[in-house]
Amino acid sequence: MSTQTYPHIRDKQPAFIPAARQQQSFVAAAEKRSLLWLAERTPRCVNSDHLTLLGFVAQCLAGACYALARWNRCTLLLGIVFLALNWLGDSLDGTLARVRNCQRPRYGFYVDHISDTFAAFFLMGGLALSGYIHPAIAFAMLIAFLMLSIEAYLATYTLGQFQLSYWKFGPTEIRLLLAAGNLALLLCPSTQVLGTHWTLFDVGGVIGAGGMSLMLIVSAIQHTGTLYREETLDREDKIS
């Protein structure tokens, strides 16, 4: 059922208010300047949809590179190229829309994050097939990422704040760590922890999944407390 077919439904919808973006990662300031510079020089024939598609396809191809690394480690280098293209498409699409003043807040928010969800599955699936990380660890990272994303989307709706980074870490820092991990795998694919051999991505995956899980728990407690206090005060004001 579409609002175009039933215009009275569209008329009853409340105005959409974009959430305040919270971005405080290590590279946020430099990244913002770089994206503004790129957006101002992007050809007019390129729009935000093209960049969103670029980011999605690039992340899926990065996952394919991980899967192919089981047979040829050189594809890890190609994976770094696709991670860079993913950063370009995924980060520049929103900036370009804001610079050109042609935002579509609901459409942009939905398409950007649903494509991120599918792309994350392809990336982690590729990692699970690579042989450089235990499949259970790869899917633990995927589950932790998706749960943290759900928390962020719920907070966006209920608090009006969209959290793009946690504890100074955001998507760009994760891409940089993956790229560094790819280079490290070419030099030393495994390491020893407490007398047991682990691949570098096994160690990084356990740390990553654990870190995202902790971020999820802390954020859920903080946001629950914030909402409880705000709505308790609202109810007391109404009673008085």
C-alpha atoms as a PDB file:
ATOM      1  CA  MET A   1       0.000   0.000   0.000  1.00  0.00           C
ATOM      2  CA  SER A   2       1.594   3.294  -1.044  1.00  0.00           C
ATOM      3  CA  THR A   3       0.915   6.837   0.069  1.00  0.00           C
ATOM      4  CA  GLN A   4       0.702   7.773  -3.614  1.00  0.00           C
ATOM      5  CA  THR A   5      -2.291   5.455  -4.037  1.00  0.00           C
ATOM      6  CA  TYR A   6      -3.794   6.646  -0.753  1.00  0.00           C
ATOM      7  CA  PRO A   7      -2.835  10.328  -0.382  1.00  0.00           C
ATOM      8  CA  HIS A   8      -4.869  10.729   2.810  1.00  0.00           C
ATOM      9  CA  ILE A   9      -2.369   8.464   4.596  1.00  0.00           C
ATOM     10  CA  ARG A  10       0.531  10.673   3.557  1.00  0.00           C
ATOM     11  CA  ASP A  11      -1.312  13.746   4.801  1.00  0.00           C
ATOM     12  CA  LYS A  12      -1.661  12.206   8.266  1.00  0.00           C
ATOM     13  CA  GLN A  13       2.037  11.348   8.606  1.00  0.00           C
ATOM     14  CA  PRO A  14       3.958  13.588  11.046  1.00  0.00           C
ATOM     15  CA  ALA A  15       6.818  15.651   9.659  1.00  0.00           C
ATOM     16  CA  PHE A  16      10.087  13.750   9.605  1.00  0.00           C
ATOM     17  CA  ILE A  17      12.763  15.380  11.788  1.00  0.00           C
ATOM     18  CA  PRO A  18      16.315  14.194  10.980  1.00  0.00           C
ATOM     19  CA  ALA A  19      18.258  12.997  14.021  1.00  0.00           C
ATOM     20  CA  ALA A  20      21.343  14.840  15.219  1.00  0.00           C
ATOM     21  CA  ARG A  21      24.456  13.022  14.023  1.00  0.00           C
ATOM     22  CA  GLN A  22      26.978  12.114  16.732  1.00  0.00           C
ATOM     23  CA  GLN A  23      30.412  11.559  15.162  1.00  0.00           C
ATOM     24  CA  GLN A  24      33.400  11.776  17.514  1.00  0.00           C
ATOM     25  CA  SER A  25      35.816   9.205  16.112  1.00  0.00           C
ATOM     26  CA  PHE A  26      39.597   9.590  15.928  1.00  0.00           C
ATOM     27  CA  VAL A  27      39.570  10.702  12.281  1.00  0.00           C
ATOM     28  CA  ALA A  28      36.212  12.513  12.270  1.00  0.00           C
ATOM     29  CA  ALA A  29      37.576  16.050  11.868  1.00  0.00           C
ATOM     30  CA  ALA A  30      40.016  15.218   9.067  1.00  0.00           C
ATOM     31  CA  GLU A  31      37.435  12.983   7.405  1.00  0.00           C
ATOM     32  CA  LYS A  32      34.809  15.743   7.408  1.00  0.00           C
ATOM     33  CA  ARG A  33      37.202  18.191   5.749  1.00  0.00           C
ATOM     34  CA  SER A  34      38.168  15.605   3.135  1.00  0.00           C
ATOM     35  CA  LEU A  35      34.554  14.738   2.347  1.00  0.00           C
ATOM     36  CA  LEU A  36      33.564  18.387   1.961  1.00  0.00           C
ATOM     37  CA  TRP A  37      36.510  18.917  -0.405  1.00  0.00           C
ATOM     38  CA  LEU A  38      35.479  15.864  -2.455  1.00  0.00           C
ATOM     39  CA  ALA A  39      31.785  16.791  -2.486  1.00  0.00           C
ATOM     40  CA  GLU A  40      32.518  20.262  -3.835  1.00  0.00           C
ATOM     41  CA  ARG A  41      34.489  18.719  -6.708  1.00  0.00           C
ATOM     42  CA  THR A  42      32.235  15.784  -7.532  1.00  0.00           C
ATOM     43  CA  PRO A  43      30.911  15.962 -11.128  1.00  0.00           C
ATOM     44  CA  ARG A  44      27.242  16.945 -11.409  1.00  0.00           C
ATOM     45  CA  CYS A  45      26.500  13.700 -13.250  1.00  0.00           C
ATOM     46  CA  VAL A  46      27.310  11.797 -10.032  1.00  0.00           C
ATOM     47  CA  ASN A  47      24.641  11.817  -7.336  1.00  0.00           C
ATOM     48  CA  SER A  48      24.198  10.301  -3.887  1.00  0.00           C
ATOM     49  CA  ASP A  49      22.487   7.175  -5.212  1.00  0.00           C
ATOM     50  CA  HIS A  50      25.511   6.413  -7.384  1.00  0.00           C
ATOM     51  CA  LEU A  51      27.794   6.732  -4.359  1.00  0.00           C
ATOM     52  CA  THR A  52      25.571   4.551  -2.164  1.00  0.00           C
ATOM     53  CA  LEU A  53      25.634   1.871  -4.868  1.00  0.00           C
ATOM     54  CA  LEU A  54      29.421   2.212  -5.153  1.00  0.00           C
ATOM     55  CA  GLY A  55      29.830   1.715  -1.408  1.00  0.00           C
ATOM     56  CA  PHE A  56      27.536  -1.312  -1.371  1.00  0.00           C
ATOM     57  CA  VAL A  57      29.147  -3.065  -4.356  1.00  0.00           C
ATOM     58  CA  ALA A  58      32.658  -2.281  -3.113  1.00  0.00           C
ATOM     59  CA  GLN A  59      32.001  -3.824   0.306  1.00  0.00           C
ATOM     60  CA  CYS A  60      30.510  -6.940  -1.292  1.00  0.00           C
ATOM     61  CA  LEU A  61      33.578  -7.231  -3.544  1.00  0.00           C
ATOM     62  CA  ALA A  62      35.838  -6.817  -0.506  1.00  0.00           C
ATOM     63  CA  GLY A  63      34.044  -9.842   0.954  1.00  0.00           C
ATOM     64  CA  ALA A  64      34.653 -11.730  -2.308  1.00  0.00           C
ATOM     65  CA  CYS A  65      38.359 -10.879  -2.047  1.00  0.00           C
ATOM     66  CA  TYR A  66      38.484 -12.406   1.433  1.00  0.00           C
ATOM     67  CA  ALA A  67      36.802 -15.565   0.163  1.00  0.00           C
ATOM     68  CA  LEU A  68      39.286 -15.819  -2.730  1.00  0.00           C
ATOM     69  CA  ALA A  69      42.216 -15.276  -0.362  1.00  0.00           C
ATOM     70  CA  ARG A  70      41.862 -18.928   0.639  1.00  0.00           C
ATOM     71  CA  TRP A  71      43.535 -19.745  -2.694  1.00  0.00           C
ATOM     72  CA  ASN A  72      45.496 -16.566  -3.420  1.00  0.00           C
ATOM     73  CA  ARG A  73      46.614 -14.183  -0.668  1.00  0.00           C
ATOM     74  CA  CYS A  74      47.243 -11.417  -3.193  1.00  0.00           C
ATOM     75  CA  THR A  75      43.508 -10.771  -3.312  1.00  0.00           C
ATOM     76  CA  LEU A  76      43.930  -9.259   0.159  1.00  0.00           C
ATOM     77  CA  LEU A  77      45.629  -6.299  -1.524  1.00  0.00           C
ATOM     78  CA  LEU A  78      42.706  -5.931  -3.917  1.00  0.00           C
ATOM     79  CA  GLY A  79      40.432  -6.070  -0.881  1.00  0.00           C
ATOM     80  CA  ILE A  80      42.115  -2.902   0.463  1.00  0.00           C
ATOM     81  CA  VAL A  81      41.196  -1.110  -2.783  1.00  0.00           C
ATOM     82  CA  PHE A  82      37.560  -2.128  -2.388  1.00  0.00           C
ATOM     83  CA  LEU A  83      37.553  -1.061   1.276  1.00  0.00           C
ATOM     84  CA  ALA A  84      38.763   2.379   0.144  1.00  0.00           C
ATOM     85  CA  LEU A  85      36.025   2.548  -2.503  1.00  0.00           C
ATOM     86  CA  ASN A  86      33.499   1.485   0.124  1.00  0.00           C
ATOM     87  CA  TRP A  87      34.630   4.373   2.327  1.00  0.00           C
ATOM     88  CA  LEU A  88      34.296   6.780  -0.597  1.00  0.00           C
ATOM     89  CA  GLY A  89      30.778   5.715  -1.541  1.00  0.00           C
ATOM     90  CA  ASP A  90      29.415   5.123   1.946  1.00  0.00           C
ATOM     91  CA  SER A  91      30.825   8.327   3.455  1.00  0.00           C
ATOM     92  CA  LEU A  92      30.447  10.764   0.582  1.00  0.00           C
ATOM     93  CA  ASP A  93      26.807  10.082  -0.374  1.00  0.00           C
ATOM     94  CA  GLY A  94      25.294  11.951   2.559  1.00  0.00           C
ATOM     95  CA  THR A  95      27.863  14.759   2.430  1.00  0.00           C
ATOM     96  CA  LEU A  96      27.169  15.281  -1.269  1.00  0.00           C
ATOM     97  CA  ALA A  97      23.419  15.538  -0.619  1.00  0.00           C
ATOM     98  CA  ARG A  98      23.966  18.114   2.133  1.00  0.00           C
ATOM     99  CA  VAL A  99      26.407  20.185   0.064  1.00  0.00           C
ATOM    100  CA  ARG A 100      23.975  20.243  -2.880  1.00  0.00           C
ATOM    101  CA  ASN A 101      21.015  20.807  -0.543  1.00  0.00           C
ATOM    102  CA  CYS A 102      19.070  17.906  -2.008  1.00  0.00           C
ATOM    103  CA  GLN A 103      18.606  15.722   1.062  1.00  0.00           C
ATOM    104  CA  ARG A 104      15.980  12.990   1.194  1.00  0.00           C
ATOM    105  CA  PRO A 105      16.171  12.218   4.927  1.00  0.00           C
ATOM    106  CA  ARG A 106      13.857   9.194   5.169  1.00  0.00           C
ATOM    107  CA  TYR A 107      14.909   7.636   1.870  1.00  0.00           C
ATOM    108  CA  GLY A 108      18.601   8.301   2.488  1.00  0.00           C
ATOM    109  CA  PHE A 109      18.569   6.941   6.035  1.00  0.00           C
ATOM    110  CA  TYR A 110      16.707   3.790   5.056  1.00  0.00           C
ATOM    111  CA  VAL A 111      18.620   2.961   1.864  1.00  0.00           C
ATOM    112  CA  ASP A 112      22.017   3.736   3.387  1.00  0.00           C
ATOM    113  CA  HIS A 113      21.557   1.481   6.381  1.00  0.00           C
ATOM    114  CA  ILE A 114      19.692  -1.388   4.762  1.00  0.00           C
ATOM    115  CA  SER A 115      22.471  -1.583   2.162  1.00  0.00           C
ATOM    116  CA  ASP A 116      25.037  -1.536   5.001  1.00  0.00           C
ATOM    117  CA  THR A 117      23.220  -4.499   6.561  1.00  0.00           C
ATOM    118  CA  PHE A 118      23.389  -6.621   3.407  1.00  0.00           C
ATOM    119  CA  ALA A 119      26.967  -5.539   2.675  1.00  0.00           C
ATOM    120  CA  ALA A 120      28.071  -6.485   6.203  1.00  0.00           C
ATOM    121  CA  PHE A 121      26.709  -9.985   5.622  1.00  0.00           C
ATOM    122  CA  PHE A 122      28.742 -10.330   2.415  1.00  0.00           C
ATOM    123  CA  LEU A 123      31.899  -8.955   4.058  1.00  0.00           C
ATOM    124  CA  MET A 124      31.709 -11.223   7.096  1.00  0.00           C
ATOM    125  CA  GLY A 125      30.640 -14.158   4.934  1.00  0.00           C
ATOM    126  CA  GLY A 126      33.743 -13.652   2.822  1.00  0.00           C
ATOM    127  CA  LEU A 127      35.881 -13.533   5.938  1.00  0.00           C
ATOM    128  CA  ALA A 128      34.303 -16.751   7.200  1.00  0.00           C
ATOM    129  CA  LEU A 129      35.239 -18.466   3.921  1.00  0.00           C
ATOM    130  CA  SER A 130      38.767 -17.053   3.803  1.00  0.00           C
ATOM    131  CA  GLY A 131      40.433 -19.575   6.077  1.00  0.00           C
ATOM    132  CA  TYR A 132      42.090 -16.709   7.988  1.00  0.00           C
ATOM    133  CA  ILE A 133      39.443 -16.541  10.693  1.00  0.00           C
ATOM    134  CA  HIS A 134      37.291 -19.178  12.359  1.00  0.00           C
ATOM    135  CA  PRO A 135      33.779 -18.966  10.852  1.00  0.00           C
ATOM    136  CA  ALA A 136      32.230 -18.782  14.334  1.00  0.00           C
ATOM    137  CA  ILE A 137      34.298 -15.690  15.147  1.00  0.00           C
ATOM    138  CA  ALA A 138      33.361 -14.042  11.847  1.00  0.00           C
ATOM    139  CA  PHE A 139      29.659 -14.581  12.461  1.00  0.00           C
ATOM    140  CA  ALA A 140      30.027 -13.481  16.094  1.00  0.00           C
ATOM    141  CA  MET A 141      31.346 -10.190  14.713  1.00  0.00           C
ATOM    142  CA  LEU A 142      28.408  -9.973  12.310  1.00  0.00           C
ATOM    143  CA  ILE A 143      25.870 -10.628  15.078  1.00  0.00           C
ATOM    144  CA  ALA A 144      27.522  -8.083  17.384  1.00  0.00           C
ATOM    145  CA  PHE A 145      27.559  -5.505  14.565  1.00  0.00           C
ATOM    146  CA  LEU A 146      23.897  -6.056  13.734  1.00  0.00           C
ATOM    147  CA  MET A 147      22.837  -5.885  17.389  1.00  0.00           C
ATOM    148  CA  LEU A 148      24.818  -2.669  17.885  1.00  0.00           C
ATOM    149  CA  SER A 149      23.195  -1.277  14.725  1.00  0.00           C
ATOM    150  CA  ILE A 150      19.730  -2.108  16.079  1.00  0.00           C
ATOM    151  CA  GLU A 151      20.569  -0.264  19.294  1.00  0.00           C
ATOM    152  CA  ALA A 152      21.749   2.756  17.300  1.00  0.00           C
ATOM    153  CA  TYR A 153      18.569   2.814  15.185  1.00  0.00           C
ATOM    154  CA  LEU A 154      16.338   2.511  18.250  1.00  0.00           C
ATOM    155  CA  ALA A 155      18.222   5.358  19.926  1.00  0.00           C
ATOM    156  CA  THR A 156      17.862   7.412  16.744  1.00  0.00           C
ATOM    157  CA  TYR A 157      14.090   7.005  16.832  1.00  0.00           C
ATOM    158  CA  THR A 158      13.566   7.450  20.570  1.00  0.00           C
ATOM    159  CA  LEU A 159      16.252  10.016  21.444  1.00  0.00           C
ATOM    160  CA  GLY A 160      16.700  11.855  18.144  1.00  0.00           C
ATOM    161  CA  GLN A 161      20.452  11.214  18.112  1.00  0.00           C
ATOM    162  CA  PHE A 162      22.168   9.016  15.567  1.00  0.00           C
ATOM    163  CA  GLN A 163      25.365   7.545  16.998  1.00  0.00           C
ATOM    164  CA  LEU A 164      27.981   7.136  14.255  1.00  0.00           C
ATOM    165  CA  SER A 165      30.880   6.270  16.545  1.00  0.00           C
ATOM    166  CA  TYR A 166      31.423   4.584  19.882  1.00  0.00           C
ATOM    167  CA  TRP A 167      34.415   5.292  22.116  1.00  0.00           C
ATOM    168  CA  LYS A 168      36.235   7.112  19.288  1.00  0.00           C
ATOM    169  CA  PHE A 169      35.704   4.207  16.880  1.00  0.00           C
ATOM    170  CA  GLY A 170      33.502   4.443  13.811  1.00  0.00           C
ATOM    171  CA  PRO A 171      33.185   2.781  10.398  1.00  0.00           C
ATOM    172  CA  THR A 172      36.300   4.490   9.022  1.00  0.00           C
ATOM    173  CA  GLU A 173      38.480   3.225  11.872  1.00  0.00           C
ATOM    174  CA  ILE A 174      37.149  -0.301  11.288  1.00  0.00           C
ATOM    175  CA  ARG A 175      38.061  -0.080   7.583  1.00  0.00           C
ATOM    176  CA  LEU A 176      41.553   1.119   8.493  1.00  0.00           C
ATOM    177  CA  LEU A 177      42.001  -1.788  10.905  1.00  0.00           C
ATOM    178  CA  LEU A 178      40.816  -4.265   8.263  1.00  0.00           C
ATOM    179  CA  ALA A 179      43.224  -2.804   5.704  1.00  0.00           C
ATOM    180  CA  ALA A 180      46.099  -2.996   8.196  1.00  0.00           C
ATOM    181  CA  GLY A 181      45.080  -6.575   8.984  1.00  0.00           C
ATOM    182  CA  ASN A 182      45.194  -7.474   5.294  1.00  0.00           C
ATOM    183  CA  LEU A 183      48.773  -6.206   5.048  1.00  0.00           C
ATOM    184  CA  ALA A 184      49.733  -7.991   8.257  1.00  0.00           C
ATOM    185  CA  LEU A 185      48.302 -11.281   6.951  1.00  0.00           C
ATOM    186  CA  LEU A 186      50.642 -11.116   3.960  1.00  0.00           C
ATOM    187  CA  LEU A 187      53.639 -10.880   6.283  1.00  0.00           C
ATOM    188  CA  CYS A 188      52.606 -13.027   9.230  1.00  0.00           C
ATOM    189  CA  PRO A 189      49.284 -14.870   8.920  1.00  0.00           C
ATOM    190  CA  SER A 190      49.355 -16.389  12.420  1.00  0.00           C
ATOM    191  CA  THR A 191      50.463 -15.535  15.934  1.00  0.00           C
ATOM    192  CA  GLN A 192      50.788 -17.299  19.269  1.00  0.00           C
ATOM    193  CA  VAL A 193      48.614 -16.448  22.264  1.00  0.00           C
ATOM    194  CA  LEU A 194      49.174 -18.309  25.545  1.00  0.00           C
ATOM    195  CA  GLY A 195      50.966 -21.093  23.695  1.00  0.00           C
ATOM    196  CA  THR A 196      48.157 -21.536  21.156  1.00  0.00           C
ATOM    197  CA  HIS A 197      48.391 -20.652  17.466  1.00  0.00           C
ATOM    198  CA  TRP A 198      45.793 -18.159  16.277  1.00  0.00           C
ATOM    199  CA  THR A 199      45.449 -16.265  13.020  1.00  0.00           C
ATOM    200  CA  LEU A 200      45.699 -12.488  13.314  1.00  0.00           C
ATOM    201  CA  PHE A 201      42.069 -12.158  12.272  1.00  0.00           C
ATOM    202  CA  ASP A 202      41.023 -14.650  14.957  1.00  0.00           C
ATOM    203  CA  VAL A 203      42.607 -12.407  17.599  1.00  0.00           C
ATOM    204  CA  GLY A 204      41.231  -9.240  16.023  1.00  0.00           C
ATOM    205  CA  GLY A 205      37.798 -10.809  15.565  1.00  0.00           C
ATOM    206  CA  VAL A 206      37.515 -11.848  19.203  1.00  0.00           C
ATOM    207  CA  ILE A 207      38.563  -8.353  20.309  1.00  0.00           C
ATOM    208  CA  GLY A 208      36.182  -6.740  17.811  1.00  0.00           C
ATOM    209  CA  ALA A 209      33.178  -8.872  18.745  1.00  0.00           C
ATOM    210  CA  GLY A 210      33.885  -8.396  22.444  1.00  0.00           C
ATOM    211  CA  GLY A 211      34.320  -4.648  22.033  1.00  0.00           C
ATOM    212  CA  MET A 212      31.064  -4.229  20.089  1.00  0.00           C
ATOM    213  CA  SER A 213      29.221  -6.355  22.643  1.00  0.00           C
ATOM    214  CA  LEU A 214      30.496  -4.171  25.469  1.00  0.00           C
ATOM    215  CA  MET A 215      29.547  -1.017  23.549  1.00  0.00           C
ATOM    216  CA  LEU A 216      26.063  -2.472  23.054  1.00  0.00           C
ATOM    217  CA  ILE A 217      25.575  -3.238  26.746  1.00  0.00           C
ATOM    218  CA  VAL A 218      26.881   0.133  27.946  1.00  0.00           C
ATOM    219  CA  SER A 219      24.831   2.090  25.378  1.00  0.00           C
ATOM    220  CA  ALA A 220      21.667   0.110  26.136  1.00  0.00           C
ATOM    221  CA  ILE A 221      22.006   0.821  29.868  1.00  0.00           C
ATOM    222  CA  GLN A 222      22.737   4.519  29.298  1.00  0.00           C
ATOM    223  CA  HIS A 223      19.890   5.049  26.844  1.00  0.00           C
ATOM    224  CA  THR A 224      17.422   3.100  28.982  1.00  0.00           C
ATOM    225  CA  GLY A 225      18.330   5.307  31.936  1.00  0.00           C
ATOM    226  CA  THR A 226      17.997   8.479  29.863  1.00  0.00           C
ATOM    227  CA  LEU A 227      14.566   7.526  28.537  1.00  0.00           C
ATOM    228  CA  TYR A 228      13.359   6.445  31.999  1.00  0.00           C
ATOM    229  CA  ARG A 229      14.394   9.767  33.554  1.00  0.00           C
ATOM    230  CA  GLU A 230      12.943  11.865  30.732  1.00  0.00           C
ATOM    231  CA  GLU A 231       9.578  10.137  30.683  1.00  0.00           C
ATOM    232  CA  THR A 232       9.348   9.996  34.486  1.00  0.00           C
ATOM    233  CA  LEU A 233       9.839  13.762  34.603  1.00  0.00           C
ATOM    234  CA  ASP A 234       7.244  14.250  31.843  1.00  0.00           C
ATOM    235  CA  ARG A 235       4.718  12.165  33.750  1.00  0.00           C
ATOM    236  CA  GLU A 236       5.356  14.059  36.996  1.00  0.00           C
ATOM    237  CA  ASP A 237       4.913  17.378  35.181  1.00  0.00           C
ATOM    238  CA  LYS A 238       1.558  16.234  33.807  1.00  0.00           C
ATOM    239  CA  ILE A 239       0.368  15.078  37.258  1.00  0.00           C
ATOM    240  CA  SER A 240       1.375  18.334  38.919  1.00  0.00           C
END
